[in-house]
């Protein structure tokens, strides 16, 4: 497990500057669960931009 500052969400937040980043991932989560989380965030919170980080073999 990476230290909190080294995790992809923290790295992306630093790169984006003032834009907040919410990491929604959990190891072992099905791809369809991520799609549902994206739909929920868009519908309920108006989030328009998403970054999905996947590794080879995730799909």
PDB file of N, CA and C in Angstrom:
ATOM      1  N   UNK A   1       0.847  -1.177   0.000  1.00  0.00           N
ATOM      2  CA  UNK A   1       0.000   0.000   0.000  1.00  0.00           C
ATOM      3  C   UNK A   1       0.893   1.241   0.000  1.00  0.00           C
ATOM      4  N   UNK A   2       0.534   2.190  -0.806  1.00  0.00           N
ATOM      5  CA  UNK A   2       1.302   3.437  -0.895  1.00  0.00           C
ATOM      6  C   UNK A   2       0.956   4.366   0.257  1.00  0.00           C
ATOM      7  N   UNK A   3       1.919   5.174   0.643  1.00  0.00           N
ATOM      8  CA  UNK A   3       1.652   6.242   1.613  1.00  0.00           C
ATOM      9  C   UNK A   3       0.659   7.219   0.975  1.00  0.00           C
ATOM     10  N   UNK A   4      -0.154   7.856   1.786  1.00  0.00           N
ATOM     11  CA  UNK A   4      -1.215   8.738   1.273  1.00  0.00           C
ATOM     12  C   UNK A   4      -0.721   9.764   0.246  1.00  0.00           C
ATOM     13  N   UNK A   5       0.407  10.446   0.456  1.00  0.00           N
ATOM     14  CA  UNK A   5       0.852  11.429  -0.544  1.00  0.00           C
ATOM     15  C   UNK A   5       1.301  10.816  -1.869  1.00  0.00           C
ATOM     16  N   UNK A   6       1.579   9.512  -1.867  1.00  0.00           N
ATOM     17  CA  UNK A   6       2.057   8.845  -3.078  1.00  0.00           C
ATOM     18  C   UNK A   6       0.942   8.187  -3.887  1.00  0.00           C
ATOM     19  N   UNK A   7      -0.251   8.167  -3.362  1.00  0.00           N
ATOM     20  CA  UNK A   7      -1.369   7.524  -4.057  1.00  0.00           C
ATOM     21  C   UNK A   7      -1.775   8.347  -5.272  1.00  0.00           C
ATOM     22  N   UNK A   8      -2.324   7.679  -6.306  1.00  0.00           N
ATOM     23  CA  UNK A   8      -2.676   8.386  -7.547  1.00  0.00           C
ATOM     24  C   UNK A   8      -3.599   9.588  -7.349  1.00  0.00           C
ATOM     25  N   UNK A   9      -4.581   9.486  -6.461  1.00  0.00           N
ATOM     26  CA  UNK A   9      -5.491  10.618  -6.237  1.00  0.00           C
ATOM     27  C   UNK A   9      -4.761  11.839  -5.714  1.00  0.00           C
ATOM     28  N   UNK A  10      -3.854  11.635  -4.770  1.00  0.00           N
ATOM     29  CA  UNK A  10      -3.078  12.746  -4.214  1.00  0.00           C
ATOM     30  C   UNK A  10      -2.147  13.344  -5.272  1.00  0.00           C
ATOM     31  N   UNK A  11      -1.547  12.498  -6.094  1.00  0.00           N
ATOM     32  CA  UNK A  11      -0.670  12.990  -7.156  1.00  0.00           C
ATOM     33  C   UNK A  11      -1.455  13.815  -8.166  1.00  0.00           C
ATOM     34  N   UNK A  12      -2.639  13.338  -8.529  1.00  0.00           N
ATOM     35  CA  UNK A  12      -3.484  14.058  -9.493  1.00  0.00           C
ATOM     36  C   UNK A  12      -3.930  15.394  -8.914  1.00  0.00           C
ATOM     37  N   UNK A  13      -4.296  15.412  -7.643  1.00  0.00           N
ATOM     38  CA  UNK A  13      -4.726  16.658  -7.011  1.00  0.00           C
ATOM     39  C   UNK A  13      -3.591  17.688  -7.015  1.00  0.00           C
ATOM     40  N   UNK A  14      -2.369  17.256  -6.733  1.00  0.00           N
ATOM     41  CA  UNK A  14      -1.228  18.176  -6.783  1.00  0.00           C
ATOM     42  C   UNK A  14      -1.016  18.699  -8.200  1.00  0.00           C
ATOM     43  N   UNK A  15      -1.164  17.835  -9.192  1.00  0.00           N
ATOM     44  CA  UNK A  15      -0.945  18.235 -10.589  1.00  0.00           C
ATOM     45  C   UNK A  15      -2.005  19.221 -11.070  1.00  0.00           C
ATOM     46  N   UNK A  16      -3.229  19.092 -10.560  1.00  0.00           N
ATOM     47  CA  UNK A  16      -4.326  19.947 -11.006  1.00  0.00           C
ATOM     48  C   UNK A  16      -4.383  21.284 -10.273  1.00  0.00           C
ATOM     49  N   UNK A  17      -3.640  21.407  -9.207  1.00  0.00           N
ATOM     50  CA  UNK A  17      -3.621  22.679  -8.485  1.00  0.00           C
ATOM     51  C   UNK A  17      -4.828  22.871  -7.594  1.00  0.00           C
ATOM     52  N   UNK A  18      -5.765  23.706  -8.026  1.00  0.00           N
ATOM     53  CA  UNK A  18      -6.895  24.076  -7.165  1.00  0.00           C
ATOM     54  C   UNK A  18      -8.112  23.163  -7.298  1.00  0.00           C
ATOM     55  N   UNK A  19      -8.107  22.252  -8.252  1.00  0.00           N
ATOM     56  CA  UNK A  19      -9.269  21.381  -8.443  1.00  0.00           C
ATOM     57  C   UNK A  19      -9.254  20.241  -7.442  1.00  0.00           C
ATOM     58  N   UNK A  20     -10.356  20.032  -6.724  1.00  0.00           N
ATOM     59  CA  UNK A  20     -10.402  18.935  -5.757  1.00  0.00           C
ATOM     60  C   UNK A  20     -10.492  17.581  -6.456  1.00  0.00           C
ATOM     61  N   UNK A  21      -9.930  16.577  -5.824  1.00  0.00           N
ATOM     62  CA  UNK A  21      -9.960  15.214  -6.346  1.00  0.00           C
ATOM     63  C   UNK A  21     -10.551  14.311  -5.272  1.00  0.00           C
ATOM     64  N   UNK A  22     -11.497  13.482  -5.663  1.00  0.00           N
ATOM     65  CA  UNK A  22     -12.079  12.497  -4.756  1.00  0.00           C
ATOM     66  C   UNK A  22     -11.753  11.116  -5.298  1.00  0.00           C
ATOM     67  N   UNK A  23     -10.969  10.367  -4.565  1.00  0.00           N
ATOM     68  CA  UNK A  23     -10.625   9.010  -4.978  1.00  0.00           C
ATOM     69  C   UNK A  23     -11.752   8.076  -4.550  1.00  0.00           C
ATOM     70  N   UNK A  24     -12.295   7.325  -5.508  1.00  0.00           N
ATOM     71  CA  UNK A  24     -13.438   6.459  -5.223  1.00  0.00           C
ATOM     72  C   UNK A  24     -13.093   4.988  -5.342  1.00  0.00           C
ATOM     73  N   UNK A  25     -11.844   4.674  -5.515  1.00  0.00           N
ATOM     74  CA  UNK A  25     -11.470   3.296  -5.809  1.00  0.00           C
ATOM     75  C   UNK A  25     -11.257   2.424  -4.594  1.00  0.00           C
ATOM     76  N   UNK A  26     -11.478   1.149  -4.797  1.00  0.00           N
ATOM     77  CA  UNK A  26     -11.196   0.121  -3.807  1.00  0.00           C
ATOM     78  C   UNK A  26     -10.668  -1.095  -4.543  1.00  0.00           C
ATOM     79  N   UNK A  27      -9.629  -1.720  -4.029  1.00  0.00           N
ATOM     80  CA  UNK A  27      -9.122  -2.924  -4.695  1.00  0.00           C
ATOM     81  C   UNK A  27     -10.194  -3.998  -4.808  1.00  0.00           C
ATOM     82  N   UNK A  28     -10.256  -4.619  -5.962  1.00  0.00           N
ATOM     83  CA  UNK A  28     -11.204  -5.711  -6.170  1.00  0.00           C
ATOM     84  C   UNK A  28     -12.596  -5.284  -6.592  1.00  0.00           C
ATOM     85  N   UNK A  29     -12.810  -3.992  -6.779  1.00  0.00           N
ATOM     86  CA  UNK A  29     -14.130  -3.506  -7.180  1.00  0.00           C
ATOM     87  C   UNK A  29     -14.350  -3.766  -8.667  1.00  0.00           C
ATOM     88  N   UNK A  30     -15.538  -4.214  -9.029  1.00  0.00           N
ATOM     89  CA  UNK A  30     -15.873  -4.491 -10.426  1.00  0.00           C
ATOM     90  C   UNK A  30     -15.970  -3.188 -11.218  1.00  0.00           C
ATOM     91  N   UNK A  31     -15.611  -3.250 -12.494  1.00  0.00           N
ATOM     92  CA  UNK A  31     -15.656  -2.076 -13.358  1.00  0.00           C
ATOM     93  C   UNK A  31     -17.062  -1.471 -13.405  1.00  0.00           C
ATOM     94  N   UNK A  32     -18.088  -2.285 -13.391  1.00  0.00           N
ATOM     95  CA  UNK A  32     -19.456  -1.773 -13.431  1.00  0.00           C
ATOM     96  C   UNK A  32     -19.768  -0.958 -12.168  1.00  0.00           C
ATOM     97  N   UNK A  33     -19.143  -1.283 -11.042  1.00  0.00           N
ATOM     98  CA  UNK A  33     -19.338  -0.490  -9.823  1.00  0.00           C
ATOM     99  C   UNK A  33     -18.758   0.909  -9.995  1.00  0.00           C
ATOM    100  N   UNK A  34     -17.616   1.009 -10.655  1.00  0.00           N
ATOM    101  CA  UNK A  34     -17.044   2.328 -10.923  1.00  0.00           C
ATOM    102  C   UNK A  34     -17.972   3.132 -11.837  1.00  0.00           C
ATOM    103  N   UNK A  35     -18.526   2.491 -12.834  1.00  0.00           N
ATOM    104  CA  UNK A  35     -19.455   3.180 -13.736  1.00  0.00           C
ATOM    105  C   UNK A  35     -20.657   3.705 -12.963  1.00  0.00           C
ATOM    106  N   UNK A  36     -21.149   2.933 -12.015  1.00  0.00           N
ATOM    107  CA  UNK A  36     -22.285   3.377 -11.201  1.00  0.00           C
ATOM    108  C   UNK A  36     -21.888   4.553 -10.305  1.00  0.00           C
ATOM    109  N   UNK A  37     -20.696   4.525  -9.754  1.00  0.00           N
ATOM    110  CA  UNK A  37     -20.222   5.643  -8.923  1.00  0.00           C
ATOM    111  C   UNK A  37     -20.088   6.917  -9.756  1.00  0.00           C
ATOM    112  N   UNK A  38     -19.621   6.776 -10.989  1.00  0.00           N
ATOM    113  CA  UNK A  38     -19.517   7.925 -11.884  1.00  0.00           C
ATOM    114  C   UNK A  38     -20.898   8.485 -12.188  1.00  0.00           C
ATOM    115  N   UNK A  39     -21.846   7.614 -12.499  1.00  0.00           N
ATOM    116  CA  UNK A  39     -23.214   8.062 -12.769  1.00  0.00           C
ATOM    117  C   UNK A  39     -23.793   8.790 -11.566  1.00  0.00           C
ATOM    118  N   UNK A  40     -23.609   8.228 -10.376  1.00  0.00           N
ATOM    119  CA  UNK A  40     -24.128   8.829  -9.156  1.00  0.00           C
ATOM    120  C   UNK A  40     -23.513  10.215  -8.922  1.00  0.00           C
ATOM    121  N   UNK A  41     -22.197  10.332  -9.063  1.00  0.00           N
ATOM    122  CA  UNK A  41     -21.524  11.612  -8.840  1.00  0.00           C
ATOM    123  C   UNK A  41     -21.995  12.662  -9.842  1.00  0.00           C
ATOM    124  N   UNK A  42     -22.214  12.252 -11.076  1.00  0.00           N
ATOM    125  CA  UNK A  42     -22.704  13.190 -12.092  1.00  0.00           C
ATOM    126  C   UNK A  42     -24.141  13.610 -11.800  1.00  0.00           C
ATOM    127  N   UNK A  43     -24.995  12.649 -11.509  1.00  0.00           N
ATOM    128  CA  UNK A  43     -26.415  12.926 -11.288  1.00  0.00           C
ATOM    129  C   UNK A  43     -26.665  13.739 -10.026  1.00  0.00           C
ATOM    130  N   UNK A  44     -26.022  13.375  -8.938  1.00  0.00           N
ATOM    131  CA  UNK A  44     -26.324  13.994  -7.643  1.00  0.00           C
ATOM    132  C   UNK A  44     -25.462  15.199  -7.303  1.00  0.00           C
ATOM    133  N   UNK A  45     -24.245  15.264  -7.857  1.00  0.00           N
ATOM    134  CA  UNK A  45     -23.335  16.341  -7.478  1.00  0.00           C
ATOM    135  C   UNK A  45     -22.888  17.195  -8.664  1.00  0.00           C
ATOM    136  N   UNK A  46     -23.320  16.840  -9.868  1.00  0.00           N
ATOM    137  CA  UNK A  46     -22.978  17.629 -11.045  1.00  0.00           C
ATOM    138  C   UNK A  46     -21.526  17.513 -11.485  1.00  0.00           C
ATOM    139  N   UNK A  47     -20.846  16.475 -11.039  1.00  0.00           N
ATOM    140  CA  UNK A  47     -19.449  16.283 -11.441  1.00  0.00           C
ATOM    141  C   UNK A  47     -19.414  15.980 -12.938  1.00  0.00           C
ATOM    142  N   UNK A  48     -18.538  16.663 -13.656  1.00  0.00           N
ATOM    143  CA  UNK A  48     -18.473  16.487 -15.108  1.00  0.00           C
ATOM    144  C   UNK A  48     -17.186  15.853 -15.588  1.00  0.00           C
ATOM    145  N   UNK A  49     -16.142  15.912 -14.810  1.00  0.00           N
ATOM    146  CA  UNK A  49     -14.846  15.383 -15.228  1.00  0.00           C
ATOM    147  C   UNK A  49     -14.450  14.207 -14.352  1.00  0.00           C
ATOM    148  N   UNK A  50     -14.038  13.129 -14.983  1.00  0.00           N
ATOM    149  CA  UNK A  50     -13.649  11.916 -14.277  1.00  0.00           C
ATOM    150  C   UNK A  50     -12.359  11.378 -14.874  1.00  0.00           C
ATOM    151  N   UNK A  51     -11.529  10.817 -14.036  1.00  0.00           N
ATOM    152  CA  UNK A  51     -10.330  10.109 -14.471  1.00  0.00           C
ATOM    153  C   UNK A  51     -10.457   8.703 -13.932  1.00  0.00           C
ATOM    154  N   UNK A  52     -10.390   7.733 -14.806  1.00  0.00           N
ATOM    155  CA  UNK A  52     -10.450   6.326 -14.407  1.00  0.00           C
ATOM    156  C   UNK A  52      -9.074   5.742 -14.654  1.00  0.00           C
ATOM    157  N   UNK A  53      -8.434   5.319 -13.582  1.00  0.00           N
ATOM    158  CA  UNK A  53      -7.101   4.752 -13.663  1.00  0.00           C
ATOM    159  C   UNK A  53      -7.229   3.240 -13.600  1.00  0.00           C
ATOM    160  N   UNK A  54      -6.790   2.574 -14.668  1.00  0.00           N
ATOM    161  CA  UNK A  54      -6.871   1.118 -14.718  1.00  0.00           C
ATOM    162  C   UNK A  54      -5.504   0.555 -15.060  1.00  0.00           C
ATOM    163  N   UNK A  55      -5.280  -0.637 -14.608  1.00  0.00           N
ATOM    164  CA  UNK A  55      -4.053  -1.350 -14.948  1.00  0.00           C
ATOM    165  C   UNK A  55      -4.383  -2.491 -15.888  1.00  0.00           C
ATOM    166  N   UNK A  56      -3.378  -2.956 -16.591  1.00  0.00           N
ATOM    167  CA  UNK A  56      -3.569  -4.081 -17.491  1.00  0.00           C
ATOM    168  C   UNK A  56      -4.181  -5.250 -16.685  1.00  0.00           C
ATOM    169  N   UNK A  57      -5.171  -5.870 -17.228  1.00  0.00           N
ATOM    170  CA  UNK A  57      -5.818  -6.983 -16.561  1.00  0.00           C
ATOM    171  C   UNK A  57      -7.026  -6.586 -15.724  1.00  0.00           C
ATOM    172  N   UNK A  58      -7.285  -5.270 -15.569  1.00  0.00           N
ATOM    173  CA  UNK A  58      -8.456  -4.839 -14.810  1.00  0.00           C
ATOM    174  C   UNK A  58      -9.761  -5.126 -15.548  1.00  0.00           C
ATOM    175  N   UNK A  59      -9.673  -5.183 -16.857  1.00  0.00           N
ATOM    176  CA  UNK A  59     -10.896  -5.388 -17.654  1.00  0.00           C
ATOM    177  C   UNK A  59     -10.922  -6.822 -18.147  1.00  0.00           C
TER     178      UNK A  59
END
